[in-house]
N, C-alpha and C. Protein backbone atom coordinates (compact mmCIF):
# COMPACT_ATOMS: atom_id res chain seq x y z
N MET A 1 34.80 48.65 100.44
CA MET A 1 35.92 47.84 100.98
C MET A 1 35.58 47.32 102.38
N ALA A 2 35.08 48.23 103.27
CA ALA A 2 34.69 47.79 104.59
C ALA A 2 33.54 46.85 104.57
N ASP A 3 32.60 47.03 103.59
CA ASP A 3 31.43 46.11 103.43
C ASP A 3 31.92 44.71 103.16
N ALA A 4 32.94 44.61 102.23
CA ALA A 4 33.48 43.35 101.87
C ALA A 4 34.15 42.61 103.02
N VAL A 5 34.84 43.40 103.90
CA VAL A 5 35.54 42.85 105.03
C VAL A 5 34.45 42.27 106.05
N ILE A 6 33.46 43.07 106.26
CA ILE A 6 32.35 42.71 107.24
C ILE A 6 31.72 41.48 106.65
N LEU A 7 31.45 41.44 105.35
CA LEU A 7 30.77 40.28 104.76
C LEU A 7 31.64 39.01 104.87
N HIS A 8 32.95 39.21 104.68
CA HIS A 8 33.93 38.02 104.81
C HIS A 8 33.96 37.54 106.24
N LEU A 9 33.96 38.43 107.20
CA LEU A 9 33.96 37.95 108.64
C LEU A 9 32.67 37.31 108.98
N LEU A 10 31.58 37.86 108.47
CA LEU A 10 30.21 37.23 108.74
C LEU A 10 30.19 35.80 108.15
N HIS A 11 30.79 35.70 106.93
CA HIS A 11 30.85 34.39 106.24
C HIS A 11 31.64 33.39 107.04
N GLN A 12 32.80 33.83 107.62
CA GLN A 12 33.62 32.99 108.42
C GLN A 12 32.91 32.48 109.66
N GLN A 13 32.19 33.40 110.34
CA GLN A 13 31.50 33.06 111.56
C GLN A 13 30.37 32.05 111.28
N LEU A 14 29.70 32.23 110.18
CA LEU A 14 28.64 31.24 109.79
C LEU A 14 29.28 29.89 109.44
N ALA A 15 30.51 29.88 108.89
CA ALA A 15 31.09 28.56 108.57
C ALA A 15 31.39 27.82 109.74
N LYS A 16 31.79 28.52 110.86
CA LYS A 16 32.03 27.86 112.15
C LYS A 16 30.76 27.20 112.70
N LEU A 17 29.64 27.85 112.53
CA LEU A 17 28.45 27.39 113.15
C LEU A 17 27.88 26.19 112.37
N SER A 18 27.75 26.27 111.13
CA SER A 18 27.20 25.16 110.29
C SER A 18 27.72 25.24 108.85
N PRO A 19 28.50 24.27 108.51
CA PRO A 19 29.13 24.29 107.17
C PRO A 19 28.10 24.14 106.11
N SER A 20 26.91 23.57 106.37
CA SER A 20 25.88 23.39 105.32
C SER A 20 25.22 24.70 105.01
N VAL A 21 25.25 25.65 105.97
CA VAL A 21 24.57 26.94 105.71
C VAL A 21 25.38 27.87 104.89
N VAL A 22 26.77 27.66 104.92
CA VAL A 22 27.68 28.51 104.22
C VAL A 22 27.46 28.53 102.71
N GLY A 23 27.22 27.38 102.17
CA GLY A 23 26.97 27.20 100.75
C GLY A 23 25.77 27.94 100.31
N SER A 24 24.72 27.97 101.13
CA SER A 24 23.47 28.61 100.77
C SER A 24 23.46 30.07 101.17
N PHE A 25 24.49 30.56 101.85
CA PHE A 25 24.55 31.98 102.31
C PHE A 25 25.22 32.84 101.23
N GLU A 26 24.43 33.31 100.30
CA GLU A 26 24.94 34.28 99.28
C GLU A 26 23.94 35.41 99.26
N LEU A 27 24.48 36.62 99.33
CA LEU A 27 23.62 37.76 99.23
C LEU A 27 23.45 38.19 97.75
N PRO A 28 22.22 38.47 97.36
CA PRO A 28 22.02 38.89 95.98
C PRO A 28 22.58 40.32 95.83
N ASN A 29 22.86 40.71 94.58
CA ASN A 29 23.41 41.99 94.31
C ASN A 29 22.53 43.13 94.81
N GLN A 30 21.23 42.92 94.78
CA GLN A 30 20.26 44.00 95.23
C GLN A 30 20.50 44.23 96.75
N THR A 31 20.66 43.17 97.45
CA THR A 31 20.87 43.30 98.95
C THR A 31 22.19 44.03 99.20
N MET A 32 23.19 43.75 98.48
CA MET A 32 24.48 44.47 98.59
C MET A 32 24.31 45.91 98.33
N ALA A 33 23.52 46.25 97.34
CA ALA A 33 23.27 47.69 97.04
C ALA A 33 22.56 48.38 98.16
N TYR A 34 21.62 47.64 98.85
CA TYR A 34 20.98 48.23 100.04
C TYR A 34 22.00 48.45 101.14
N VAL A 35 22.85 47.46 101.38
CA VAL A 35 23.84 47.65 102.45
C VAL A 35 24.78 48.82 102.14
N LYS A 36 25.20 48.96 100.92
CA LYS A 36 26.06 50.14 100.57
C LYS A 36 25.25 51.42 100.74
N ALA A 37 24.06 51.44 100.33
CA ALA A 37 23.22 52.63 100.44
C ALA A 37 23.03 53.01 101.87
N CYS A 38 22.77 52.05 102.73
CA CYS A 38 22.56 52.34 104.14
C CYS A 38 23.84 52.83 104.79
N SER A 39 25.01 52.19 104.40
CA SER A 39 26.21 52.68 105.05
C SER A 39 26.59 54.14 104.55
N PHE A 40 26.23 54.43 103.32
CA PHE A 40 26.44 55.75 102.75
C PHE A 40 25.52 56.77 103.48
N GLY A 41 24.30 56.39 103.73
CA GLY A 41 23.35 57.20 104.52
C GLY A 41 23.81 57.44 105.89
N LEU A 42 24.33 56.45 106.57
CA LEU A 42 24.83 56.59 107.90
C LEU A 42 26.04 57.56 107.95
N PHE A 43 26.89 57.42 106.92
CA PHE A 43 28.04 58.33 106.73
C PHE A 43 27.59 59.78 106.61
N LEU A 44 26.58 60.00 105.79
CA LEU A 44 26.05 61.39 105.61
C LEU A 44 25.46 61.90 106.91
N LEU A 45 24.72 61.12 107.58
CA LEU A 45 24.12 61.47 108.87
C LEU A 45 25.24 61.89 109.87
N ALA A 46 26.23 61.01 109.99
CA ALA A 46 27.35 61.27 110.91
C ALA A 46 28.03 62.56 110.57
N THR A 47 28.23 62.84 109.30
CA THR A 47 28.85 64.07 108.87
C THR A 47 28.03 65.24 109.15
N TYR A 48 26.75 65.18 108.95
CA TYR A 48 25.85 66.25 109.33
C TYR A 48 25.89 66.59 110.81
N LEU A 49 25.90 65.46 111.61
CA LEU A 49 25.92 65.77 113.05
C LEU A 49 27.29 66.27 113.57
N MET A 50 28.30 65.87 112.92
CA MET A 50 29.68 66.30 113.33
C MET A 50 29.93 67.76 112.94
N PHE A 51 29.45 68.18 111.86
CA PHE A 51 29.71 69.49 111.34
C PHE A 51 28.43 70.31 111.13
N PRO A 52 27.73 70.72 112.17
CA PRO A 52 26.51 71.41 112.06
C PRO A 52 26.70 72.79 111.35
N MET A 53 25.74 73.25 110.67
CA MET A 53 25.82 74.55 109.95
C MET A 53 25.64 75.62 111.02
N LYS A 54 26.36 76.71 110.90
CA LYS A 54 26.22 77.88 111.77
C LYS A 54 24.98 78.61 111.32
N LYS A 55 24.14 78.89 112.30
CA LYS A 55 22.91 79.68 111.97
C LYS A 55 23.25 81.08 111.76
N ILE A 56 22.95 81.68 110.62
CA ILE A 56 23.27 83.01 110.31
C ILE A 56 21.98 83.80 110.30
N GLU A 57 21.93 84.77 111.18
CA GLU A 57 20.69 85.57 111.37
C GLU A 57 21.13 87.07 111.20
N ALA A 58 20.15 87.80 110.60
CA ALA A 58 20.38 89.27 110.48
C ALA A 58 20.30 89.86 111.92
N THR A 59 21.15 90.73 112.17
CA THR A 59 21.19 91.41 113.48
C THR A 59 20.19 92.57 113.39
N ASP A 60 19.39 92.66 114.52
CA ASP A 60 18.35 93.75 114.59
C ASP A 60 18.95 94.87 115.48
N CYS A 61 19.34 95.91 114.87
CA CYS A 61 19.91 97.07 115.57
C CYS A 61 18.84 98.15 115.70
N SER A 62 17.89 97.91 116.58
CA SER A 62 16.81 98.90 116.81
C SER A 62 16.38 98.78 118.24
N GLY A 63 15.81 99.84 118.74
CA GLY A 63 15.29 99.89 120.10
C GLY A 63 16.19 100.69 121.04
N ALA A 64 15.85 100.69 122.26
CA ALA A 64 16.56 101.42 123.29
C ALA A 64 17.76 100.58 123.79
N CYS A 65 18.73 101.27 124.30
CA CYS A 65 19.94 100.64 124.87
C CYS A 65 20.53 101.50 125.92
N SER A 66 21.59 100.96 126.52
CA SER A 66 22.36 101.70 127.49
C SER A 66 23.84 101.77 126.98
N PRO A 67 24.43 102.94 127.09
CA PRO A 67 25.84 103.03 126.61
C PRO A 67 26.79 102.12 127.50
N PHE A 68 26.29 101.67 128.60
CA PHE A 68 27.13 100.80 129.46
C PHE A 68 26.98 99.35 129.12
N GLU A 69 26.03 99.03 128.23
CA GLU A 69 25.73 97.61 127.91
C GLU A 69 26.89 97.07 127.02
N MET A 70 27.26 95.78 127.37
CA MET A 70 28.33 95.16 126.60
C MET A 70 27.87 93.84 126.07
N PRO A 71 27.97 93.49 124.83
CA PRO A 71 28.12 94.43 123.70
C PRO A 71 26.86 95.28 123.51
N PRO A 72 27.03 96.39 122.91
CA PRO A 72 25.91 97.28 122.75
C PRO A 72 24.77 96.62 122.02
N CYS A 73 23.53 96.73 122.45
CA CYS A 73 22.31 96.29 121.81
C CYS A 73 22.36 94.77 121.61
N GLY A 74 23.15 94.04 122.35
CA GLY A 74 23.13 92.59 122.32
C GLY A 74 24.00 92.05 121.20
N SER A 75 24.67 92.86 120.40
CA SER A 75 25.41 92.38 119.29
C SER A 75 26.58 93.36 119.03
N SER A 76 27.72 92.81 118.71
CA SER A 76 28.90 93.66 118.43
C SER A 76 28.78 94.30 117.02
N ASP A 77 27.69 93.97 116.33
CA ASP A 77 27.48 94.58 114.95
C ASP A 77 26.70 95.82 115.09
N CYS A 78 26.25 96.17 116.25
CA CYS A 78 25.44 97.47 116.47
C CYS A 78 26.20 98.40 117.36
N ARG A 79 25.72 99.63 117.36
CA ARG A 79 26.23 100.69 118.24
C ARG A 79 25.08 101.29 119.00
N CYS A 80 25.43 101.76 120.19
CA CYS A 80 24.45 102.44 121.03
C CYS A 80 24.80 103.94 120.95
N ILE A 81 23.87 104.75 120.41
CA ILE A 81 24.08 106.16 120.34
C ILE A 81 23.33 106.81 121.53
N PRO A 82 24.08 107.42 122.45
CA PRO A 82 23.44 108.00 123.64
C PRO A 82 22.61 109.27 123.29
N VAL A 83 21.47 109.32 123.86
CA VAL A 83 20.64 110.50 123.77
C VAL A 83 20.51 111.19 125.15
N GLY A 84 20.88 110.39 126.16
CA GLY A 84 20.98 110.89 127.52
C GLY A 84 22.11 110.18 128.17
N LEU A 85 22.35 110.48 129.46
CA LEU A 85 23.54 109.92 130.08
C LEU A 85 23.47 108.38 130.19
N PHE A 86 22.31 107.83 130.46
CA PHE A 86 22.21 106.38 130.63
C PHE A 86 21.35 105.67 129.61
N VAL A 87 20.80 106.36 128.62
CA VAL A 87 19.93 105.78 127.62
C VAL A 87 20.35 106.28 126.22
N GLY A 88 20.06 105.31 125.31
CA GLY A 88 20.41 105.64 123.92
C GLY A 88 19.53 104.82 122.97
N PHE A 89 19.86 104.82 121.72
CA PHE A 89 19.17 103.98 120.74
C PHE A 89 20.16 103.23 119.94
N CYS A 90 19.75 102.04 119.58
CA CYS A 90 20.63 101.13 118.80
C CYS A 90 20.54 101.49 117.30
N THR A 91 21.73 101.39 116.68
CA THR A 91 21.81 101.66 115.23
C THR A 91 22.94 100.86 114.62
N TYR A 92 22.93 100.67 113.32
CA TYR A 92 24.05 100.08 112.64
C TYR A 92 25.17 101.07 112.50
N PRO A 93 26.45 100.67 112.63
CA PRO A 93 27.46 101.63 112.45
C PRO A 93 27.49 102.08 110.96
N SER A 94 27.38 103.32 110.68
CA SER A 94 27.26 103.76 109.31
C SER A 94 28.49 104.59 108.86
N GLY A 95 29.61 104.34 109.46
CA GLY A 95 30.83 105.02 109.03
C GLY A 95 31.27 106.08 109.98
N LEU A 96 32.58 106.40 109.89
CA LEU A 96 33.11 107.34 110.82
C LEU A 96 32.60 108.81 110.58
N ALA A 97 32.26 109.11 109.34
CA ALA A 97 31.76 110.48 109.09
C ALA A 97 30.44 110.78 109.78
N SER A 98 29.50 109.76 109.78
CA SER A 98 28.26 110.01 110.45
C SER A 98 28.36 110.10 111.99
N VAL A 99 29.30 109.25 112.53
CA VAL A 99 29.51 109.28 113.99
C VAL A 99 30.11 110.64 114.34
N ALA A 100 31.14 111.09 113.59
CA ALA A 100 31.73 112.43 113.87
C ALA A 100 30.71 113.56 113.73
N ASN A 101 29.86 113.48 112.75
CA ASN A 101 28.80 114.46 112.59
C ASN A 101 27.80 114.47 113.74
N MET A 102 27.44 113.27 114.22
CA MET A 102 26.55 113.09 115.38
C MET A 102 27.16 113.71 116.63
N ILE A 103 28.47 113.40 116.84
CA ILE A 103 29.19 113.91 118.03
C ILE A 103 29.19 115.43 117.95
N GLU A 104 29.46 115.98 116.73
CA GLU A 104 29.60 117.41 116.58
C GLU A 104 28.29 118.09 116.83
N LYS A 105 27.08 117.49 116.43
CA LYS A 105 25.84 118.10 116.65
C LYS A 105 25.27 117.98 118.06
N HIS A 106 25.55 116.88 118.70
CA HIS A 106 24.99 116.62 120.03
C HIS A 106 25.71 117.51 121.05
N PRO A 107 24.99 118.24 121.88
CA PRO A 107 25.68 119.20 122.84
C PRO A 107 26.53 118.47 123.93
N ASN A 108 26.17 117.30 124.30
CA ASN A 108 26.92 116.61 125.38
C ASN A 108 27.89 115.53 125.03
N LEU A 109 27.85 115.15 123.75
CA LEU A 109 28.83 114.06 123.32
C LEU A 109 30.14 114.72 122.93
N CYS A 110 31.24 114.04 123.35
CA CYS A 110 32.57 114.64 123.19
C CYS A 110 33.58 113.55 122.90
N GLN A 111 34.75 113.99 122.36
CA GLN A 111 35.92 113.18 122.27
C GLN A 111 37.09 113.78 122.99
N SER A 112 36.96 114.97 123.46
CA SER A 112 38.06 115.63 124.24
C SER A 112 37.47 116.67 125.14
N HIS A 113 38.31 117.11 126.12
CA HIS A 113 37.89 118.14 127.05
C HIS A 113 37.69 119.50 126.28
N ASP A 114 38.55 119.79 125.30
CA ASP A 114 38.46 121.00 124.50
C ASP A 114 37.10 121.04 123.75
N GLU A 115 36.62 119.92 123.30
CA GLU A 115 35.35 119.89 122.58
C GLU A 115 34.19 120.26 123.50
N CYS A 116 34.29 119.90 124.80
CA CYS A 116 33.21 120.22 125.78
C CYS A 116 33.26 121.71 125.99
N ILE A 117 34.43 122.26 126.11
CA ILE A 117 34.56 123.72 126.37
C ILE A 117 34.01 124.48 125.20
N LYS A 118 34.34 124.04 123.89
CA LYS A 118 33.82 124.73 122.68
C LYS A 118 32.31 124.72 122.62
N LYS A 119 31.67 123.55 123.03
CA LYS A 119 30.25 123.44 122.99
C LYS A 119 29.62 124.16 124.14
N GLY A 120 30.34 124.48 125.18
CA GLY A 120 29.78 125.15 126.37
C GLY A 120 28.91 124.29 127.23
N SER A 121 29.17 123.02 127.17
CA SER A 121 28.42 122.04 127.98
C SER A 121 29.20 121.49 129.15
N GLY A 122 30.32 122.06 129.43
CA GLY A 122 31.23 121.59 130.52
C GLY A 122 32.64 121.75 130.17
N ASN A 123 33.47 121.25 131.02
CA ASN A 123 34.91 121.30 130.76
C ASN A 123 35.63 119.98 130.99
N PHE A 124 34.88 118.87 131.08
CA PHE A 124 35.41 117.54 131.25
C PHE A 124 34.71 116.61 130.38
N CYS A 125 35.45 115.82 129.63
CA CYS A 125 34.83 114.79 128.78
C CYS A 125 35.07 113.43 129.38
N ALA A 126 34.02 112.85 130.03
CA ALA A 126 34.10 111.59 130.63
C ALA A 126 33.74 110.52 129.65
N ARG A 127 34.73 109.60 129.39
CA ARG A 127 34.55 108.51 128.38
C ARG A 127 33.70 107.45 129.03
N TYR A 128 32.84 106.84 128.20
CA TYR A 128 32.04 105.70 128.64
C TYR A 128 32.98 104.52 128.89
N PRO A 129 32.75 103.72 129.90
CA PRO A 129 33.56 102.54 130.17
C PRO A 129 33.34 101.39 129.20
N ASN A 130 32.74 101.59 128.11
CA ASN A 130 32.39 100.57 127.12
C ASN A 130 33.36 100.75 125.94
N HIS A 131 34.16 99.82 125.59
CA HIS A 131 35.17 99.99 124.54
C HIS A 131 34.55 100.01 123.16
N TYR A 132 33.24 99.77 123.01
CA TYR A 132 32.59 99.96 121.68
C TYR A 132 32.18 101.36 121.46
N ILE A 133 32.30 102.28 122.40
CA ILE A 133 31.86 103.61 122.27
C ILE A 133 33.17 104.44 122.28
N ASP A 134 33.38 105.24 121.21
CA ASP A 134 34.61 106.03 121.03
C ASP A 134 34.41 107.44 121.48
N TYR A 135 33.44 107.75 122.30
CA TYR A 135 33.25 109.12 122.72
C TYR A 135 32.74 109.16 124.19
N GLY A 136 32.55 110.30 124.73
CA GLY A 136 32.17 110.48 126.08
C GLY A 136 31.03 111.46 126.24
N TRP A 137 30.88 111.91 127.54
CA TRP A 137 29.77 112.82 127.86
C TRP A 137 30.41 114.02 128.54
N CYS A 138 30.00 115.22 128.18
CA CYS A 138 30.50 116.42 128.76
C CYS A 138 29.87 116.69 130.14
N PHE A 139 30.78 117.12 131.03
CA PHE A 139 30.33 117.48 132.42
C PHE A 139 31.10 118.79 132.80
N ASP A 140 30.56 119.47 133.73
CA ASP A 140 31.28 120.51 134.43
C ASP A 140 32.09 119.83 135.46
N SER A 141 33.37 120.06 135.56
CA SER A 141 34.21 119.30 136.49
C SER A 141 33.89 119.47 137.95
N ASP A 142 33.03 120.46 138.33
CA ASP A 142 32.61 120.67 139.71
C ASP A 142 31.23 119.98 139.98
N SER A 143 30.64 119.38 138.99
CA SER A 143 29.24 118.85 139.18
C SER A 143 29.15 117.61 139.91
N GLU A 144 28.05 117.41 140.57
CA GLU A 144 27.73 116.17 141.26
C GLU A 144 27.51 115.05 140.29
N ALA A 145 26.95 115.33 139.16
CA ALA A 145 26.71 114.34 138.11
C ALA A 145 27.98 113.66 137.62
N LEU A 146 29.10 114.42 137.54
CA LEU A 146 30.34 113.83 137.12
C LEU A 146 30.85 112.84 138.19
N LYS A 147 30.71 113.21 139.45
CA LYS A 147 31.12 112.32 140.50
C LYS A 147 30.32 111.03 140.46
N GLY A 148 29.08 111.06 140.22
CA GLY A 148 28.26 109.83 140.08
C GLY A 148 28.61 109.03 138.85
N PHE A 149 28.93 109.75 137.76
CA PHE A 149 29.31 109.02 136.52
C PHE A 149 30.64 108.33 136.69
N LEU A 150 31.58 108.94 137.41
CA LEU A 150 32.93 108.34 137.59
C LEU A 150 32.87 107.13 138.59
N LYS A 151 31.83 107.12 139.39
CA LYS A 151 31.71 106.02 140.39
C LYS A 151 31.07 104.78 139.68
N MET A 152 30.58 104.88 138.47
CA MET A 152 29.97 103.80 137.79
C MET A 152 30.96 102.65 137.57
N PRO A 153 30.57 101.42 137.80
CA PRO A 153 31.51 100.28 137.58
C PRO A 153 31.75 100.15 136.12
N THR A 154 32.92 99.69 135.79
CA THR A 154 33.19 99.52 134.30
C THR A 154 32.60 98.16 133.92
N ALA A 155 32.13 98.09 132.71
CA ALA A 155 31.52 96.83 132.19
C ALA A 155 32.69 95.86 131.85
N SER A 156 32.46 94.60 132.24
CA SER A 156 33.46 93.61 131.92
C SER A 156 33.13 92.90 130.61
N VAL A 157 34.09 92.56 129.86
CA VAL A 157 33.91 91.88 128.55
C VAL A 157 33.87 90.41 128.76
N ALA A 158 32.73 89.75 128.34
CA ALA A 158 32.62 88.33 128.46
C ALA A 158 33.44 87.68 127.36
N LYS A 159 34.17 86.68 127.80
CA LYS A 159 34.96 85.92 126.81
C LYS A 159 34.45 84.57 126.60
């Protein structure tokens, strides 16, 4: 439809310039097919540029990390499992049962003060300031390490 309108306007402009040219100005059917194919191609190109495909990549949850890193391991699909106060390893979240089992087996990981007392690794469970981590680290409430841990700035969430 738009091609016909453009062709009609072009025909009118040519009629104003030279009436003798108008009679000889006829596009063969093959040329019209090329015009339609080109306009369809431009439509597809514009659609492709307007709606780009989202690149989907597999997240690599491996390597060292910090429990204070936001998001952990560079992706919200991964979790940082602490092996020390400031260092851990990246892993895929594999369910609540495995996390609970890991917390139970690790002497310093905790979810409550009572858990630290039961494990004998302190009497205070200091939570990590990272909302991706649902547990903390056991300290003795009189220790200097706890005072340093509590002075750590909280990680801000980028929006």
